[in-house]
Amino acid sequence: MKTLRILVLALMTLAIIGGPILAQSADVEKAKQDLERAKQPPGNLTLSGAAVGAGLGAAITLVGAGIGFGRIGSAALESMARQPEVAPRVQTAMIIIGALLEGATFFALLVCLLVSFSARF
């Protein structure tokens, strides 16, 4: 059932994103001539796939980081509850792992930002 929900959500997302991507002016040749006369960049005529990909990549990165932080915290608290005498070592390890996860998340977000700024609309 969970797989079906994810599949339906993915299809709905593609259907929503697909409209602007496939949209076209009724008179394409006239629009091209107007753009050539104006000598300006086309503006926001189409939706860039790179920008959509960067947005989805950033969202997936943040969701993954949130899940990772939750699992780190829950495992550390469970370990501390079972053996209170090792709590300081577990806490140190948890902070180190959290910092590594945050670094990887930050790197992925920077890559997504670079891709989105290089996208042309």
Protein backbone atom coordinates (compact mmCIF):
# COMPACT_ATOMS: atom_id res chain seq x y z
CA MET A 1 0.00 0.00 0.00
CA LYS A 2 2.89 2.34 0.82
CA THR A 3 4.45 1.71 -2.59
CA LEU A 4 1.15 2.54 -4.28
CA ARG A 5 0.93 5.84 -2.40
CA ILE A 6 4.45 6.78 -3.43
CA LEU A 7 3.73 5.86 -7.05
CA VAL A 8 0.53 7.94 -7.09
CA LEU A 9 2.36 10.89 -5.52
CA ALA A 10 5.13 10.65 -8.11
CA LEU A 11 2.65 10.54 -10.97
CA MET A 12 0.73 13.52 -9.59
CA THR A 13 3.98 15.46 -9.28
CA LEU A 14 4.92 14.66 -12.87
CA ALA A 15 1.46 15.68 -14.05
CA ILE A 16 1.70 19.03 -12.26
CA ILE A 17 5.23 19.74 -13.48
CA GLY A 18 4.52 18.52 -17.02
CA GLY A 19 2.08 21.30 -17.91
CA PRO A 20 4.49 24.24 -17.84
CA ILE A 21 7.28 22.17 -19.37
CA LEU A 22 5.20 21.20 -22.39
CA ALA A 23 3.38 24.53 -22.74
CA GLN A 24 3.88 26.34 -26.03
CA SER A 25 2.80 29.55 -27.57
CA ALA A 26 0.04 29.21 -30.16
CA ASP A 27 2.14 30.97 -32.78
CA VAL A 28 5.70 29.80 -32.19
CA GLU A 29 7.18 31.54 -35.24
CA LYS A 30 5.71 34.90 -34.27
CA ALA A 31 7.05 34.52 -30.73
CA LYS A 32 10.52 33.72 -32.10
CA GLN A 33 10.46 36.77 -34.35
CA ASP A 34 9.38 38.99 -31.46
CA LEU A 35 12.23 37.68 -29.36
CA GLU A 36 14.76 38.28 -32.12
CA ARG A 37 13.53 41.85 -32.53
CA ALA A 38 13.74 42.56 -28.84
CA LYS A 39 17.24 41.01 -28.55
CA GLN A 40 16.47 40.03 -24.99
CA PRO A 41 16.70 36.69 -23.30
CA PRO A 42 13.45 34.76 -23.54
CA GLY A 43 12.56 35.34 -19.91
CA ASN A 44 10.32 32.77 -18.30
CA LEU A 45 8.88 31.03 -21.36
CA THR A 46 9.69 27.48 -20.31
CA LEU A 47 10.38 25.71 -17.07
CA SER A 48 13.98 24.58 -16.78
CA GLY A 49 14.53 20.93 -16.00
CA ALA A 50 17.74 21.79 -14.14
CA ALA A 51 15.88 24.09 -11.77
CA VAL A 52 13.21 21.47 -11.09
CA GLY A 53 15.93 18.86 -10.54
CA ALA A 54 17.81 21.14 -8.16
CA GLY A 55 14.65 21.79 -6.16
CA LEU A 56 13.79 18.12 -5.93
CA GLY A 57 17.40 17.29 -5.04
CA ALA A 58 17.41 19.82 -2.22
CA ALA A 59 14.09 18.50 -0.90
CA ILE A 60 15.26 14.89 -0.97
CA THR A 61 18.54 15.89 0.70
CA LEU A 62 16.77 17.64 3.56
CA VAL A 63 14.29 14.80 4.06
CA GLY A 64 17.15 12.29 4.11
CA ALA A 65 19.09 14.40 6.60
CA GLY A 66 16.05 14.66 8.85
CA ILE A 67 15.55 10.91 8.80
CA GLY A 68 19.26 10.39 9.49
CA PHE A 69 19.30 12.76 12.46
CA GLY A 70 16.20 11.09 13.86
CA ARG A 71 17.73 7.64 13.60
CA ILE A 72 21.01 8.80 15.14
CA GLY A 73 19.20 10.37 18.07
CA SER A 74 16.88 7.44 18.68
CA ALA A 75 19.70 4.88 18.54
CA ALA A 76 21.86 6.94 20.88
CA LEU A 77 19.07 7.44 23.41
CA GLU A 78 18.19 3.75 23.31
CA SER A 79 21.84 2.86 23.88
CA MET A 80 22.13 5.32 26.77
CA ALA A 81 18.98 3.92 28.36
CA ARG A 82 20.29 0.37 28.19
CA GLN A 83 23.78 1.18 29.48
CA PRO A 84 23.95 4.51 31.32
CA GLU A 85 27.66 4.05 32.13
CA VAL A 86 28.65 4.46 28.45
CA ALA A 87 26.50 7.56 27.90
CA PRO A 88 29.41 10.04 27.51
CA ARG A 89 31.09 7.90 24.81
CA VAL A 90 27.81 7.37 22.97
CA GLN A 91 27.06 11.08 23.10
CA THR A 92 30.50 11.93 21.66
CA ALA A 93 30.06 9.41 18.85
CA MET A 94 26.56 10.73 18.16
CA ILE A 95 27.85 14.30 17.83
CA ILE A 96 30.64 13.21 15.46
CA ILE A 97 28.25 11.24 13.26
CA GLY A 98 25.79 14.14 13.28
CA ALA A 99 28.53 16.54 12.17
CA LEU A 100 29.51 14.24 9.31
CA LEU A 101 25.88 13.96 8.24
CA GLU A 102 25.48 17.73 8.38
CA GLY A 103 28.60 18.17 6.23
CA ALA A 104 27.30 15.80 3.58
CA THR A 105 23.91 17.53 3.63
CA PHE A 106 25.51 20.95 3.29
CA PHE A 107 27.61 19.75 0.33
CA ALA A 108 24.54 18.32 -1.42
CA LEU A 109 22.61 21.57 -0.89
CA LEU A 110 25.52 23.58 -2.32
CA VAL A 111 25.53 21.38 -5.41
CA CYS A 112 21.76 21.89 -5.78
CA LEU A 113 22.18 25.66 -5.44
CA LEU A 114 24.94 25.72 -8.06
CA VAL A 115 22.78 23.75 -10.47
CA SER A 116 19.77 25.97 -9.87
CA PHE A 117 21.77 29.18 -10.41
CA SER A 118 23.23 27.84 -13.64
CA ALA A 119 19.76 26.90 -14.96
CA ARG A 120 18.42 29.11 -17.73
CA PHE A 121 14.76 29.99 -17.91
